[in-house]
Protein backbone atom coordinates (compact mmCIF):
# COMPACT_ATOMS: atom_id res chain seq x y z
CA UNK A 1 52.05 2.03 -70.51
CA UNK A 2 53.96 1.29 -73.67
CA UNK A 3 51.26 2.05 -76.19
CA UNK A 4 48.88 -0.28 -74.37
CA UNK A 5 45.60 -0.68 -76.19
CA UNK A 6 42.76 -1.76 -74.01
CA UNK A 7 39.19 -2.84 -74.56
CA UNK A 8 38.72 -4.07 -71.01
CA UNK A 9 40.98 -1.95 -68.84
CA UNK A 10 41.66 -4.98 -66.64
CA UNK A 11 44.01 -4.10 -63.81
CA UNK A 12 44.07 -0.42 -64.77
CA UNK A 13 46.92 1.08 -62.74
CA UNK A 14 46.86 4.03 -60.39
CA UNK A 15 49.52 6.69 -60.92
CA UNK A 16 51.27 5.72 -57.68
CA UNK A 17 51.39 2.09 -58.76
CA UNK A 18 52.97 3.12 -62.06
CA UNK A 19 55.59 5.13 -60.19
CA UNK A 20 56.45 2.26 -57.84
CA UNK A 21 56.59 -0.20 -60.74
CA UNK A 22 59.17 1.95 -62.47
CA UNK A 23 61.15 2.26 -59.23
CA UNK A 24 61.23 -1.52 -58.96
CA UNK A 25 62.52 -1.69 -62.51
CA UNK A 26 65.22 0.89 -61.77
CA UNK A 27 66.25 -0.96 -58.60
CA UNK A 28 66.55 -4.24 -60.50
CA UNK A 29 68.57 -2.68 -63.27
CA UNK A 30 70.73 -0.84 -60.74
CA UNK A 31 71.53 -4.18 -59.13
CA UNK A 32 72.54 -5.55 -62.53
CA UNK A 33 69.82 -8.22 -62.54
CA UNK A 34 67.70 -9.43 -65.45
CA UNK A 35 64.01 -10.26 -65.41
CA UNK A 36 65.02 -13.93 -65.26
CA UNK A 37 67.22 -13.30 -62.21
CA UNK A 38 64.42 -11.49 -60.37
CA UNK A 39 61.91 -14.18 -61.33
CA UNK A 40 64.10 -16.92 -59.83
CA UNK A 41 64.12 -15.06 -56.52
CA UNK A 42 60.33 -15.30 -56.28
CA UNK A 43 60.02 -18.62 -58.13
CA UNK A 44 57.72 -16.99 -60.68
CA UNK A 45 57.96 -16.36 -64.41
CA UNK A 46 59.80 -13.33 -65.86
CA UNK A 47 56.40 -12.18 -67.13
CA UNK A 48 55.24 -11.74 -63.53
CA UNK A 49 58.17 -9.44 -62.80
CA UNK A 50 57.54 -7.51 -65.99
CA UNK A 51 53.87 -7.05 -65.09
CA UNK A 52 54.83 -5.76 -61.63
CA UNK A 53 57.19 -3.23 -63.17
CA UNK A 54 54.64 -2.16 -65.79
CA UNK A 55 51.92 -1.72 -63.12
CA UNK A 56 49.73 -4.27 -64.88
CA UNK A 57 49.01 -6.05 -61.58
CA UNK A 58 48.73 -5.05 -57.94
CA UNK A 59 51.89 -4.83 -55.84
CA UNK A 60 52.07 -7.95 -53.68
CA UNK A 61 53.81 -6.86 -50.50
CA UNK A 62 55.70 -10.13 -49.99
CA UNK A 63 56.97 -9.94 -53.57
CA UNK A 64 58.01 -6.32 -53.16
CA UNK A 65 59.93 -6.97 -49.94
CA UNK A 66 61.76 -9.99 -51.34
CA UNK A 67 62.70 -8.20 -54.56
CA UNK A 68 64.02 -5.12 -52.78
CA UNK A 69 66.08 -7.29 -50.42
CA UNK A 70 67.53 -9.03 -53.47
CA UNK A 71 68.32 -5.67 -55.05
CA UNK A 72 70.27 -4.62 -51.95
CA UNK A 73 67.83 -2.10 -50.45
CA UNK A 74 68.10 -1.27 -46.75
CA UNK A 75 65.38 -1.92 -44.20
CA UNK A 76 64.23 1.72 -44.02
CA UNK A 77 63.98 1.97 -47.79
CA UNK A 78 62.01 -1.27 -47.94
CA UNK A 79 59.62 -0.14 -45.20
CA UNK A 80 59.01 3.19 -46.94
CA UNK A 81 58.40 1.43 -50.26
CA UNK A 82 55.98 -1.03 -48.63
CA UNK A 83 54.00 1.84 -47.08
CA UNK A 84 53.65 3.42 -50.52
CA UNK A 85 52.76 0.05 -52.08
CA UNK A 86 49.96 -0.41 -49.57
CA UNK A 87 48.63 3.03 -50.51
CA UNK A 88 48.95 2.20 -54.20
CA UNK A 89 46.84 -0.92 -53.72
CA UNK A 90 44.00 1.01 -52.12
CA UNK A 91 40.97 1.72 -54.34
CA UNK A 92 40.89 5.21 -55.84
CA UNK A 93 38.17 7.70 -54.91
CA UNK A 94 36.33 6.65 -58.08
CA UNK A 95 36.06 2.99 -56.99
CA UNK A 96 32.39 3.29 -55.85
CA UNK A 97 31.47 4.29 -59.42
CA UNK A 98 33.12 1.30 -61.10
CA UNK A 99 29.74 -0.20 -62.04
CA UNK A 100 28.89 2.85 -64.17
CA UNK A 101 32.40 3.56 -65.42
CA UNK A 102 33.66 1.87 -68.60
CA UNK A 103 36.46 -0.44 -67.46
CA UNK A 104 38.93 1.04 -69.95
CA UNK A 105 38.33 4.53 -68.51
CA UNK A 106 39.57 3.73 -65.00
CA UNK A 107 43.20 4.41 -65.83
CA UNK A 108 42.20 7.76 -67.36
CA UNK A 109 40.65 9.00 -64.13
CA UNK A 110 43.79 8.01 -62.23
CA UNK A 111 46.05 9.79 -64.74
CA UNK A 112 43.80 12.85 -64.69
CA UNK A 113 43.88 12.96 -60.90
CA UNK A 114 47.67 12.73 -60.77
CA UNK A 115 48.67 14.93 -63.72
CA UNK A 116 50.31 18.32 -63.38
CA UNK A 117 49.39 19.44 -66.90
CA UNK A 118 46.45 18.36 -69.06
CA UNK A 119 45.94 19.33 -72.69
CA UNK A 120 42.79 18.22 -74.44
CA UNK A 121 41.44 18.36 -77.97
CA UNK A 122 37.67 17.99 -78.38
CA UNK A 123 36.03 18.01 -81.83
CA UNK A 124 32.53 16.97 -80.70
CA UNK A 125 31.68 17.96 -77.11
CA UNK A 126 32.82 20.24 -74.29
CA UNK A 127 35.55 18.47 -72.34
CA UNK A 128 34.21 16.63 -69.28
CA UNK A 129 36.17 18.73 -66.78
CA UNK A 130 34.24 21.84 -67.87
CA UNK A 131 30.75 20.41 -68.41
CA UNK A 132 27.78 21.72 -66.45
CA UNK A 133 25.40 19.21 -64.79
CA UNK A 134 22.76 19.80 -67.47
CA UNK A 135 25.19 19.41 -70.36
CA UNK A 136 26.82 16.33 -68.77
CA UNK A 137 23.42 14.72 -68.26
CA UNK A 138 22.46 15.28 -71.89
CA UNK A 139 25.79 13.97 -73.24
CA UNK A 140 25.82 10.89 -71.01
CA UNK A 141 22.14 10.24 -71.64
CA UNK A 142 22.87 10.13 -75.36
CA UNK A 143 25.93 7.96 -74.88
CA UNK A 144 24.20 5.45 -72.59
CA UNK A 145 20.60 5.35 -73.84
CA UNK A 146 19.78 2.14 -71.95
CA UNK A 147 20.66 3.55 -68.53
CA UNK A 148 17.95 3.94 -65.94
CA UNK A 149 17.69 7.30 -64.18
CA UNK A 150 19.76 6.21 -61.17
CA UNK A 151 22.71 4.99 -63.24
CA UNK A 152 22.62 8.11 -65.38
CA UNK A 153 22.70 10.35 -62.32
CA UNK A 154 25.64 8.43 -60.92
CA UNK A 155 27.54 8.88 -64.20
CA UNK A 156 26.87 12.62 -63.99
CA UNK A 157 27.97 12.65 -60.34
CA UNK A 158 31.23 10.94 -61.26
CA UNK A 159 31.90 13.49 -63.99
CA UNK A 160 31.22 16.39 -61.66
CA UNK A 161 33.43 14.92 -58.93
CA UNK A 162 36.30 14.72 -61.41
CA UNK A 163 36.03 18.49 -61.80
CA UNK A 164 37.11 18.93 -58.19
CA UNK A 165 40.76 18.80 -59.28
CA UNK A 166 40.34 22.26 -60.86
CA UNK A 167 39.29 23.85 -57.55
CA UNK A 168 41.70 22.09 -55.20
CA UNK A 169 44.72 23.83 -53.73
CA UNK A 170 47.53 24.07 -56.30
CA UNK A 171 45.43 22.71 -59.19
CA UNK A 172 46.88 21.35 -62.43
CA UNK A 173 47.03 23.39 -65.61
CA UNK A 174 44.24 22.63 -68.08
CA UNK A 175 44.50 23.73 -71.71
CA UNK A 176 41.41 22.93 -73.76
CA UNK A 177 41.19 23.21 -77.55
CA UNK A 178 37.71 22.67 -79.01
CA UNK A 179 36.24 22.94 -82.47
CA UNK A 180 33.62 25.62 -83.11
CA UNK A 181 31.30 22.74 -84.06
CA UNK A 182 31.06 21.91 -80.34
CA UNK A 183 29.22 25.19 -79.75
CA UNK A 184 26.78 24.59 -82.61
CA UNK A 185 25.89 21.07 -81.48
CA UNK A 186 22.75 21.74 -79.41
CA UNK A 187 23.11 19.47 -76.39
CA UNK A 188 20.18 19.55 -73.97
CA UNK A 189 18.50 22.57 -75.56
CA UNK A 190 19.21 26.34 -75.74
CA UNK A 191 19.07 26.93 -71.98
CA UNK A 192 21.59 24.16 -71.30
CA UNK A 193 23.86 25.48 -74.03
CA UNK A 194 23.69 29.03 -72.68
CA UNK A 195 24.57 27.80 -69.22
CA UNK A 196 27.42 25.71 -70.66
CA UNK A 197 28.87 28.64 -72.56
CA UNK A 198 28.71 30.73 -69.37
CA UNK A 199 30.72 28.00 -67.68
CA UNK A 200 33.36 28.08 -70.43
CA UNK A 201 33.64 31.87 -70.18
CA UNK A 202 33.97 31.62 -66.42
CA UNK A 203 36.63 28.90 -66.66
CA UNK A 204 38.60 30.87 -69.24
CA UNK A 205 39.16 33.58 -66.62
CA UNK A 206 40.95 31.16 -64.29
CA UNK A 207 44.71 31.49 -64.22
CA UNK A 208 45.28 27.74 -64.63
CA UNK A 209 42.68 27.14 -67.37
CA UNK A 210 42.85 28.07 -71.06
CA UNK A 211 39.94 27.59 -73.46
CA UNK A 212 40.66 27.91 -77.19
CA UNK A 213 37.98 27.54 -79.87
CA UNK A 214 39.17 26.64 -83.38
CA UNK A 215 36.80 28.50 -85.75
CA UNK A 216 35.26 27.05 -88.88
CA UNK A 217 37.34 29.55 -90.83
CA UNK A 218 40.49 27.62 -89.85
CA UNK A 219 39.61 25.10 -92.56
CA UNK A 220 41.37 21.74 -92.74
CA UNK A 221 44.00 21.22 -90.08
CA UNK A 222 46.19 18.60 -88.42
CA UNK A 223 43.89 18.13 -85.45
CA UNK A 224 40.87 16.92 -87.42
CA UNK A 225 40.90 13.56 -85.71
CA UNK A 226 39.66 11.75 -82.62
CA UNK A 227 39.61 13.56 -79.27
CA UNK A 228 42.71 13.14 -77.14
CA UNK A 229 44.17 14.18 -73.80
CA UNK A 230 47.85 14.74 -73.10
CA UNK A 231 49.09 14.23 -69.52
CA UNK A 232 52.33 15.48 -68.00
CA UNK A 233 53.42 14.58 -64.44
CA UNK A 234 55.80 16.00 -61.87
CA UNK A 235 57.18 12.59 -60.95
CA UNK A 236 60.38 11.77 -62.81
CA UNK A 237 59.38 8.12 -63.22
CA UNK A 238 56.35 8.88 -65.36
CA UNK A 239 56.61 9.72 -69.05
CA UNK A 240 54.16 12.01 -70.79
CA UNK A 241 51.09 10.00 -71.79
CA UNK A 242 48.43 10.55 -74.43
CA UNK A 243 44.95 9.07 -74.22
CA UNK A 244 42.49 8.73 -77.07
CA UNK A 245 39.33 6.71 -77.49
CA UNK A 246 36.86 5.22 -79.90
CA UNK A 247 33.31 4.04 -79.26
CA UNK A 248 34.10 1.02 -77.09
CA UNK A 249 37.80 1.11 -76.27
CA UNK A 250 40.75 3.35 -75.56
CA UNK A 251 44.43 3.72 -76.32
CA UNK A 252 47.19 4.98 -74.01
CA UNK A 253 50.42 6.07 -75.70
CA UNK A 254 53.76 6.80 -74.05
CA UNK A 255 56.18 6.22 -76.92
CA UNK A 256 57.96 9.51 -77.53
CA UNK A 257 57.13 9.75 -81.25
CA UNK A 258 53.39 9.32 -80.60
CA UNK A 259 53.35 11.74 -77.67
CA UNK A 260 55.30 14.40 -79.58
CA UNK A 261 52.97 14.08 -82.58
CA UNK A 262 49.94 14.80 -80.40
CA UNK A 263 51.70 17.60 -78.53
CA UNK A 264 52.66 19.28 -81.80
CA UNK A 265 49.10 18.89 -83.09
CA UNK A 266 47.80 20.62 -79.96
CA UNK A 267 50.33 23.43 -80.39
CA UNK A 268 49.38 23.93 -84.04
CA UNK A 269 45.69 23.95 -83.21
CA UNK A 270 46.21 26.67 -80.61
CA UNK A 271 47.78 28.84 -83.31
CA UNK A 272 44.50 28.76 -85.23
CA UNK A 273 42.86 31.05 -82.69
CA UNK A 274 43.54 33.35 -79.74
CA UNK A 275 42.14 33.86 -76.28
CA UNK A 276 40.42 37.06 -77.32
CA UNK A 277 38.93 35.50 -80.46
CA UNK A 278 37.74 32.48 -78.52
CA UNK A 279 35.98 34.62 -75.92
CA UNK A 280 34.39 36.70 -78.65
CA UNK A 281 33.10 33.54 -80.34
CA UNK A 282 31.76 32.21 -77.03
CA UNK A 283 29.92 35.47 -76.36
CA UNK A 284 28.51 35.51 -79.89
CA UNK A 285 27.23 31.94 -79.55
CA UNK A 286 25.74 32.71 -76.14
CA UNK A 287 23.57 35.40 -77.73
CA UNK A 288 22.33 32.89 -80.28
CA UNK A 289 21.02 30.70 -77.46
CA UNK A 290 19.32 33.58 -75.65
């Protein structure tokens, strides 16, 4: 993604499309061809080839076949690649919700769905993958105050469907670090907060989920910044990626220095607390909402 900053999310890639784009790039480079050479084959501009390789556009099957032939691929390899390209061009499961999903968030859902490891830092709210329906409704209602009831419910439904990745067979690892302030921010009222804390306690017992709460006593620290999510993938073609957002846009980072900085921040934040301390804090806050 090359530190792509997006306010529109136009052409947000699926994980499979990103993988195939990088394979096209590797095949071209393995054949000793430049972007200009590949572009001449298709009678397009070098920018078109670059956008295919960066997964910034859909994979046109005729383009893919012609490029792979030029790169010296065999018929079986081409057919297998085309089959994957057709899958990559299919809408993701979240496509029906595109009217209530910010355009710049589409890539996030794809990355989240395909990641093997997710690390999140949340200074304001419980991370979406662990929100209860009541908490999600209150958060989204505050974030989209002009929504009618139907649109709001569909936003909640989308958020809850995303949580399915934690209960699927062979789920990814999720490591959540939140500020204690999240537990003091009364979202939806005491009953909603109590239910939400129960959910966090329940999730913290799962083998593939860790929930760390950075206490107020930690003072100033390196993570006092915007929320972010770190993604790691099994596929060799995909680099680690970090996502962060502001009010109306998002940023995706895959440059090593940026990714390492966020990973180190997450590691340092986790040292500010422990699993036992976090559970004790959650139980203490639950009593306050009783």
